[in-house]
């Protein structure tokens, strides 16, 4: 399969040297708009080509076709709006044709935005199109409702990447991951998206996928997530201990995905796949309820396999990355191993522990059964929970 980025070219909106210095000086003289945490994550990915073919925040034509047709205005599949919102006050200071500076929450100027489009932000319309609901309890909808009332689109010129002090050795951009795969001699690479620690079922399906390709990229999302998600720092320790002890070192890699989580279910699954193609991956894993979120009654906003079914709306060559679709996986007491609904015998006996029970065990320092999670991972989670309890006491 071709390793061409989405749209055929890896975009680079990051300037260096004299160009960067000139852009930085220009930014000091321009009106500035503040980036939210999510927008800062998006800007970083726009800079490095992770969001190819986008060269900036969406103009109105791309935004509208994304919401309505899951495509850009040029009909290329694209399912998640990449937008910069502004307030009424900010909108009154700029007009189409202007150039504005983009700065993060700390006041550091990072980029220039050439204003090509300013348009009203219909938050209800976006929520229902992207998340399938206008329920304010949905984390994605909640985020949209906090955004500004206007959207501004146009190309960005990034002269300063967002500053990160964490995961320094793991922050590889698409150009670097592509170089890594070439160095390792991997012609086919499967990516695994995660925002949680990897349990035994995840381990099983990543290894099944690895049987079919040259290499596996564990690519955890480390941008903005919900407050009750396990921190990226703790998760990274879990991933590393797993790779050190249970995966073949020469056929696996761990790098981070700097995106913010949307919790958009099916649409986010397609977006996650397309972006991993930009990183140089040829295959992508989609399990059950990919990128989902639960309602107050504990049920998901999305159907169990909606994130797999959405790919049927596109021709495989339009997406350009092969999708591995996995059923629910569990430890079967009858056969003594991991199985899925596809491979389980008729008399399969699932060994399971509820999420509530699992958290209770970890809080009390008890190791969960090894059929559920590796002991090394459980110990890291126990230590993290102890530290959290101590700090909040």
Protein backbone atom coordinates (compact mmCIF):
# COMPACT_ATOMS: atom_id res chain seq x y z
CA UNK A 1 0.00 0.00 0.00
CA UNK A 2 1.17 3.53 -0.82
CA UNK A 3 2.60 5.62 1.99
CA UNK A 4 1.46 8.83 0.32
CA UNK A 5 -0.02 11.33 2.80
CA UNK A 6 -3.69 12.26 2.55
CA UNK A 7 -4.05 14.42 -0.54
CA UNK A 8 -0.70 13.21 -1.90
CA UNK A 9 1.69 15.64 -0.20
CA UNK A 10 3.00 16.05 3.36
CA UNK A 11 2.25 19.67 4.27
CA UNK A 12 4.83 21.75 6.12
CA UNK A 13 3.70 25.05 7.66
CA UNK A 14 6.68 25.37 10.02
CA UNK A 15 9.18 28.07 9.11
CA UNK A 16 12.79 28.16 10.25
CA UNK A 17 15.79 30.47 10.27
CA UNK A 18 15.37 33.93 8.73
CA UNK A 19 11.78 33.22 7.65
CA UNK A 20 10.81 32.30 11.20
CA UNK A 21 12.53 35.39 12.58
CA UNK A 22 10.71 37.64 10.10
CA UNK A 23 7.35 36.03 10.95
CA UNK A 24 8.07 36.42 14.66
CA UNK A 25 8.84 40.11 14.25
CA UNK A 26 5.70 40.59 12.15
CA UNK A 27 3.59 38.90 14.82
CA UNK A 28 4.71 41.44 17.42
CA UNK A 29 3.06 44.24 15.43
CA UNK A 30 -0.22 42.44 14.73
CA UNK A 31 -3.43 41.96 16.72
CA UNK A 32 -3.35 38.58 18.48
CA UNK A 33 -6.03 35.98 19.09
CA UNK A 34 -5.68 33.37 21.82
CA UNK A 35 -5.61 29.66 21.07
CA UNK A 36 -7.50 27.22 23.29
CA UNK A 37 -5.73 24.06 24.43
CA UNK A 38 -7.36 22.06 21.62
CA UNK A 39 -6.52 24.70 19.01
CA UNK A 40 -2.90 24.70 20.18
CA UNK A 41 -2.80 20.92 19.65
CA UNK A 42 -4.29 21.39 16.18
CA UNK A 43 -1.80 24.14 15.30
CA UNK A 44 1.11 21.84 16.13
CA UNK A 45 -0.29 19.15 13.84
CA UNK A 46 -0.98 21.65 11.07
CA UNK A 47 2.65 22.78 11.32
CA UNK A 48 4.12 19.30 10.87
CA UNK A 49 1.74 17.92 8.24
CA UNK A 50 -0.10 15.55 10.56
CA UNK A 51 -3.32 17.15 9.30
CA UNK A 52 -2.36 17.06 5.59
CA UNK A 53 -3.80 18.30 3.28
CA UNK A 54 -4.93 21.13 5.59
CA UNK A 55 -2.63 24.15 5.56
CA UNK A 56 -4.50 26.04 8.24
CA UNK A 57 -7.74 26.33 10.14
CA UNK A 58 -10.77 25.51 8.00
CA UNK A 59 -12.39 28.13 5.81
CA UNK A 60 -16.18 28.13 5.59
CA UNK A 61 -16.44 25.95 2.44
CA UNK A 62 -14.33 23.15 3.96
CA UNK A 63 -16.10 23.44 7.30
CA UNK A 64 -19.57 23.14 5.77
CA UNK A 65 -18.76 20.16 3.55
CA UNK A 66 -16.99 18.49 6.48
CA UNK A 67 -20.15 18.76 8.59
CA UNK A 68 -22.58 17.84 5.82
CA UNK A 69 -20.67 15.32 3.71
CA UNK A 70 -17.68 14.23 5.83
CA UNK A 71 -15.43 15.68 3.13
CA UNK A 72 -13.45 18.80 2.31
CA UNK A 73 -14.70 21.15 -0.39
CA UNK A 74 -12.46 19.29 -2.90
CA UNK A 75 -14.36 16.07 -1.93
CA UNK A 76 -11.40 14.48 -0.11
CA UNK A 77 -12.71 12.54 2.93
CA UNK A 78 -12.37 14.54 6.17
CA UNK A 79 -14.64 14.02 9.16
CA UNK A 80 -13.54 16.33 12.00
CA UNK A 81 -13.65 20.16 11.78
CA UNK A 82 -10.30 21.81 12.48
CA UNK A 83 -11.31 25.31 13.47
CA UNK A 84 -10.19 28.47 15.23
CA UNK A 85 -12.97 30.15 17.15
CA UNK A 86 -13.00 33.83 18.10
CA UNK A 87 -15.16 35.96 20.35
CA UNK A 88 -17.34 38.89 19.26
CA UNK A 89 -14.66 41.24 20.61
CA UNK A 90 -11.89 39.54 18.59
CA UNK A 91 -14.10 39.43 15.50
CA UNK A 92 -14.60 43.21 15.64
CA UNK A 93 -10.82 43.73 15.42
CA UNK A 94 -10.15 41.68 12.27
CA UNK A 95 -11.50 41.33 8.76
CA UNK A 96 -11.00 39.11 5.74
CA UNK A 97 -7.58 39.76 4.18
CA UNK A 98 -5.93 40.61 7.50
CA UNK A 99 -3.07 38.70 9.10
CA UNK A 100 -3.28 38.04 12.84
CA UNK A 101 -0.94 36.50 15.38
CA UNK A 102 -1.89 33.29 17.17
CA UNK A 103 -0.76 32.97 20.76
CA UNK A 104 -1.17 30.27 23.39
CA UNK A 105 -2.77 30.67 26.82
CA UNK A 106 0.59 31.76 28.30
CA UNK A 107 0.84 34.65 25.84
CA UNK A 108 3.55 33.10 23.66
CA UNK A 109 3.07 33.97 19.99
CA UNK A 110 3.34 30.85 17.85
CA UNK A 111 2.08 31.59 14.36
CA UNK A 112 0.54 33.92 11.82
CA UNK A 113 -2.95 33.32 10.42
CA UNK A 114 -3.88 34.77 7.02
CA UNK A 115 -7.59 35.50 7.40
CA UNK A 116 -9.44 34.04 4.40
CA UNK A 117 -12.81 33.44 6.00
CA UNK A 118 -14.83 34.66 9.01
CA UNK A 119 -18.19 33.02 9.62
CA UNK A 120 -20.79 32.42 12.31
CA UNK A 121 -20.28 29.35 14.50
CA UNK A 122 -23.51 27.34 14.56
CA UNK A 123 -22.73 25.28 17.65
CA UNK A 124 -25.90 23.18 17.63
CA UNK A 125 -25.39 22.27 13.98
CA UNK A 126 -21.76 21.29 14.59
CA UNK A 127 -22.60 19.26 17.68
CA UNK A 128 -25.31 17.25 15.98
CA UNK A 129 -23.22 16.67 12.84
CA UNK A 130 -19.95 15.70 14.53
CA UNK A 131 -21.13 14.08 17.77
CA UNK A 132 -24.60 12.92 16.75
CA UNK A 133 -26.12 14.75 19.72
CA UNK A 134 -26.64 18.20 21.24
CA UNK A 135 -26.59 16.76 24.77
CA UNK A 136 -24.52 19.19 26.83
CA UNK A 137 -23.22 16.30 28.95
CA UNK A 138 -21.30 14.94 25.95
CA UNK A 139 -17.64 16.05 26.40
CA UNK A 140 -17.33 17.07 22.74
CA UNK A 141 -20.56 19.08 22.79
CA UNK A 142 -19.51 20.66 26.08
CA UNK A 143 -16.30 21.83 24.43
CA UNK A 144 -18.13 23.25 21.38
CA UNK A 145 -20.49 25.24 23.60
CA UNK A 146 -17.50 26.92 25.29
CA UNK A 147 -16.02 28.02 21.97
CA UNK A 148 -16.38 31.52 20.52
CA UNK A 149 -19.37 32.57 18.45
CA UNK A 150 -17.33 32.99 15.25
CA UNK A 151 -14.86 30.87 13.29
CA UNK A 152 -11.90 32.25 11.40
CA UNK A 153 -10.12 30.25 8.71
CA UNK A 154 -6.98 30.54 6.65
CA UNK A 155 -3.41 29.32 6.18
CA UNK A 156 -1.06 29.36 9.15
CA UNK A 157 2.64 30.13 9.23
CA UNK A 158 4.09 28.60 12.38
CA UNK A 159 7.36 30.04 13.67
CA UNK A 160 7.27 28.54 17.17
CA UNK A 161 5.99 25.06 17.97
CA UNK A 162 4.11 24.71 21.26
CA UNK A 163 6.56 24.12 24.10
CA UNK A 164 6.54 20.65 25.66
CA UNK A 165 8.62 19.50 28.61
CA UNK A 166 7.15 15.98 28.67
CA UNK A 167 7.78 12.92 26.46
CA UNK A 168 10.69 14.61 24.71
CA UNK A 169 12.06 11.37 23.26
CA UNK A 170 8.64 10.27 22.03
CA UNK A 171 7.48 13.38 20.14
CA UNK A 172 8.08 12.37 16.53
CA UNK A 173 6.31 14.28 13.77
CA UNK A 174 5.13 12.59 10.53
CA UNK A 175 8.42 13.19 8.73
CA UNK A 176 10.29 11.59 11.62
CA UNK A 177 8.01 8.55 11.98
CA UNK A 178 8.30 7.93 8.25
CA UNK A 179 12.10 8.06 8.59
CA UNK A 180 11.90 5.68 11.56
CA UNK A 181 9.86 3.13 9.59
CA UNK A 182 12.30 3.36 6.69
CA UNK A 183 15.26 2.88 9.03
CA UNK A 184 13.62 -0.21 10.52
CA UNK A 185 12.79 -1.57 7.08
CA UNK A 186 9.06 -1.60 7.76
CA UNK A 187 7.05 -1.46 4.54
CA UNK A 188 3.77 -2.08 6.36
CA UNK A 189 2.97 -0.53 9.74
CA UNK A 190 -0.18 -0.83 11.85
CA UNK A 191 -1.05 2.01 14.24
CA UNK A 192 -2.91 1.59 17.51
CA UNK A 193 -4.74 4.63 18.91
CA UNK A 194 -5.28 4.72 22.66
CA UNK A 195 -6.10 7.15 25.45
CA UNK A 196 -6.19 4.39 28.13
CA UNK A 197 -3.68 1.92 29.54
CA UNK A 198 -3.39 -1.20 27.36
CA UNK A 199 -5.11 -4.18 28.97
CA UNK A 200 -4.86 -7.83 27.89
CA UNK A 201 -7.59 -7.56 25.25
CA UNK A 202 -5.80 -4.60 23.62
CA UNK A 203 -2.51 -6.45 23.82
CA UNK A 204 -4.08 -9.42 22.06
CA UNK A 205 -5.54 -7.48 19.16
CA UNK A 206 -2.35 -5.45 18.59
CA UNK A 207 -0.40 -8.71 18.39
CA UNK A 208 -2.94 -10.24 16.01
CA UNK A 209 -2.50 -7.19 13.81
CA UNK A 210 1.29 -7.42 14.08
CA UNK A 211 1.12 -10.94 12.64
CA UNK A 212 0.04 -9.34 9.35
CA UNK A 213 2.47 -6.41 9.04
CA UNK A 214 6.13 -5.52 9.51
CA UNK A 215 5.77 -3.20 12.49
CA UNK A 216 3.41 -1.91 15.18
CA UNK A 217 3.21 1.75 16.22
CA UNK A 218 1.65 2.30 19.63
CA UNK A 219 0.51 5.90 19.17
CA UNK A 220 -1.20 7.18 22.33
CA UNK A 221 -3.02 10.49 22.32
CA UNK A 222 -1.41 12.91 24.78
CA UNK A 223 -3.27 16.13 23.99
CA UNK A 224 -6.32 17.44 25.83
CA UNK A 225 -8.62 14.74 27.29
CA UNK A 226 -11.47 14.59 29.82
CA UNK A 227 -10.61 15.35 33.41
CA UNK A 228 -11.40 11.82 34.55
CA UNK A 229 -9.16 10.13 31.96
CA UNK A 230 -5.92 8.64 33.26
CA UNK A 231 -3.07 11.12 32.84
CA UNK A 232 -0.75 10.79 29.86
CA UNK A 233 2.27 10.53 32.17
CA UNK A 234 0.85 7.46 33.94
CA UNK A 235 -0.30 5.91 30.68
CA UNK A 236 3.12 6.32 29.06
CA UNK A 237 4.73 4.39 31.93
CA UNK A 238 2.20 1.60 31.34
CA UNK A 239 2.90 1.49 27.59
CA UNK A 240 6.65 1.41 28.08
CA UNK A 241 6.61 -1.40 30.65
CA UNK A 242 4.41 -3.45 28.33
CA UNK A 243 6.69 -2.95 25.35
CA UNK A 244 9.75 -3.76 27.46
CA UNK A 245 8.33 -7.05 28.70
CA UNK A 246 5.70 -8.38 26.32
CA UNK A 247 6.36 -7.16 22.76
CA UNK A 248 9.18 -7.83 20.25
CA UNK A 249 11.51 -4.85 20.50
CA UNK A 250 12.53 -4.89 16.84
CA UNK A 251 8.94 -4.80 15.57
CA UNK A 252 7.31 -2.23 17.83
CA UNK A 253 7.65 1.52 18.37
CA UNK A 254 6.11 3.97 20.81
CA UNK A 255 5.63 7.63 19.90
CA UNK A 256 2.99 10.13 20.99
CA UNK A 257 0.05 11.64 19.12
CA UNK A 258 -0.26 15.33 20.15
CA UNK A 259 -3.96 15.62 19.27
CA UNK A 260 -6.80 16.62 21.57
CA UNK A 261 -9.49 14.00 22.08
CA UNK A 262 -12.88 14.79 20.52
CA UNK A 263 -14.94 11.77 21.71
CA UNK A 264 -16.66 11.86 18.32
CA UNK A 265 -16.92 8.10 17.89
CA UNK A 266 -17.31 7.08 14.22
CA UNK A 267 -16.18 10.39 12.74
CA UNK A 268 -13.12 10.44 14.97
CA UNK A 269 -12.24 6.87 13.96
CA UNK A 270 -12.00 7.95 10.31
CA UNK A 271 -10.01 11.04 11.27
CA UNK A 272 -7.63 9.00 13.45
CA UNK A 273 -7.04 6.63 10.52
CA UNK A 274 -6.38 9.41 7.99
CA UNK A 275 -3.96 11.20 10.31
CA UNK A 276 -2.05 7.95 10.97
CA UNK A 277 -1.68 7.61 7.18
CA UNK A 278 0.06 10.99 7.30
CA UNK A 279 2.43 9.57 9.91
CA UNK A 280 3.35 6.84 7.40
CA UNK A 281 1.21 3.96 8.66
CA UNK A 282 -0.39 1.58 6.17
CA UNK A 283 -2.89 -0.05 8.56
CA UNK A 284 -5.01 1.14 11.47
CA UNK A 285 -6.86 -0.74 14.23
CA UNK A 286 -10.49 0.07 14.97
CA UNK A 287 -12.07 -1.86 17.82
CA UNK A 288 -15.44 -1.53 19.47
CA UNK A 289 -16.73 1.93 20.41
CA UNK A 290 -13.60 3.67 19.12
CA UNK A 291 -13.31 7.23 20.52
CA UNK A 292 -16.63 6.85 22.28
CA UNK A 293 -18.11 8.54 25.33
CA UNK A 294 -20.72 7.40 27.80
CA UNK A 295 -23.99 9.09 28.71
CA UNK A 296 -25.04 9.61 32.32
CA UNK A 297 -26.76 6.20 32.28
CA UNK A 298 -23.43 4.50 31.44
CA UNK A 299 -24.38 3.66 27.85
CA UNK A 300 -22.35 4.93 24.92
CA UNK A 301 -23.55 7.72 22.68
CA UNK A 302 -22.62 5.46 19.75
CA UNK A 303 -23.38 1.92 18.61
CA UNK A 304 -20.77 -0.69 19.53
CA UNK A 305 -19.43 -1.01 15.98
CA UNK A 306 -20.53 2.32 14.45
CA UNK A 307 -16.86 3.35 14.25
CA UNK A 308 -16.25 0.42 11.90
CA UNK A 309 -19.42 0.78 9.84
CA UNK A 310 -18.69 4.43 8.95
CA UNK A 311 -15.79 3.30 6.75
CA UNK A 312 -18.36 1.72 4.42
CA UNK A 313 -19.34 5.28 3.41
CA UNK A 314 -16.01 5.70 1.63
CA UNK A 315 -14.14 3.82 -1.07
CA UNK A 316 -11.05 2.13 0.43
CA UNK A 317 -8.75 4.06 -1.92
CA UNK A 318 -10.27 7.36 -0.70
CA UNK A 319 -9.19 6.62 2.86
CA UNK A 320 -5.90 5.11 1.67
CA UNK A 321 -5.10 3.17 4.85
CA UNK A 322 -6.26 -0.38 5.51
CA UNK A 323 -8.56 -0.82 8.50
CA UNK A 324 -8.29 -3.80 10.85
CA UNK A 325 -11.75 -4.20 12.39
CA UNK A 326 -11.79 -6.14 15.65
CA UNK A 327 -14.71 -7.62 17.56
CA UNK A 328 -15.02 -7.57 21.36
CA UNK A 329 -12.10 -9.57 22.81
CA UNK A 330 -11.96 -11.37 26.18
CA UNK A 331 -10.23 -14.15 28.12
CA UNK A 332 -12.08 -17.45 27.69
CA UNK A 333 -11.86 -19.78 30.70
CA UNK A 334 -12.80 -22.81 28.57
CA UNK A 335 -9.96 -22.50 26.07
CA UNK A 336 -7.57 -20.75 28.47
CA UNK A 337 -6.76 -17.88 26.12
CA UNK A 338 -7.89 -14.65 24.51
CA UNK A 339 -10.71 -14.92 21.98
CA UNK A 340 -13.14 -12.61 20.19
CA UNK A 341 -16.77 -13.07 19.23
CA UNK A 342 -15.40 -14.34 15.90
CA UNK A 343 -13.14 -17.01 17.39
CA UNK A 344 -14.87 -18.01 20.64
CA UNK A 345 -16.25 -21.58 20.82
CA UNK A 346 -20.00 -22.03 21.52
CA UNK A 347 -19.34 -22.85 25.18
CA UNK A 348 -16.95 -19.94 25.78
CA UNK A 349 -16.87 -18.68 29.36
CA UNK A 350 -15.75 -15.06 29.56
CA UNK A 351 -13.52 -14.13 32.47
CA UNK A 352 -14.38 -10.55 33.30
CA UNK A 353 -14.14 -7.97 36.05
CA UNK A 354 -16.37 -4.89 36.02
CA UNK A 355 -14.75 -1.51 35.68
CA UNK A 356 -16.04 -0.55 39.13
CA UNK A 357 -14.56 -3.69 40.70
CA UNK A 358 -11.26 -3.18 38.87
CA UNK A 359 -10.91 0.41 40.15
CA UNK A 360 -11.81 -0.76 43.66
CA UNK A 361 -9.07 -3.42 43.57
CA UNK A 362 -6.49 -0.93 42.35
CA UNK A 363 -7.48 1.62 45.02
CA UNK A 364 -6.94 -1.06 47.69
CA UNK A 365 -3.56 -2.05 46.25
CA UNK A 366 -4.79 -5.41 44.97
CA UNK A 367 -3.43 -6.81 41.72
CA UNK A 368 -6.28 -7.62 39.32
CA UNK A 369 -6.25 -11.06 37.66
CA UNK A 370 -3.47 -11.38 35.06
CA UNK A 371 -6.15 -12.40 32.54
CA UNK A 372 -7.37 -8.78 32.69
CA UNK A 373 -4.17 -6.74 32.94
CA UNK A 374 -0.45 -7.40 33.25
CA UNK A 375 0.84 -7.09 36.84
CA UNK A 376 3.49 -4.53 35.83
CA UNK A 377 0.75 -2.26 34.47
CA UNK A 378 -1.44 -2.79 37.54
CA UNK A 379 1.43 -1.79 39.85
CA UNK A 380 1.91 1.50 37.98
CA UNK A 381 -1.83 2.26 38.25
CA UNK A 382 -1.88 1.36 41.96
CA UNK A 383 1.07 3.67 42.64
CA UNK A 384 -0.61 6.49 40.68
CA UNK A 385 -3.86 6.10 42.61
CA UNK A 386 -1.97 6.15 45.92
CA UNK A 387 -0.14 9.32 44.92
CA UNK A 388 -3.40 10.95 43.83
CA UNK A 389 -5.14 9.99 47.09
CA UNK A 390 -2.19 11.35 49.10
CA UNK A 391 -2.16 14.66 47.26
CA UNK A 392 -5.90 15.18 47.69
CA UNK A 393 -5.93 14.20 51.37
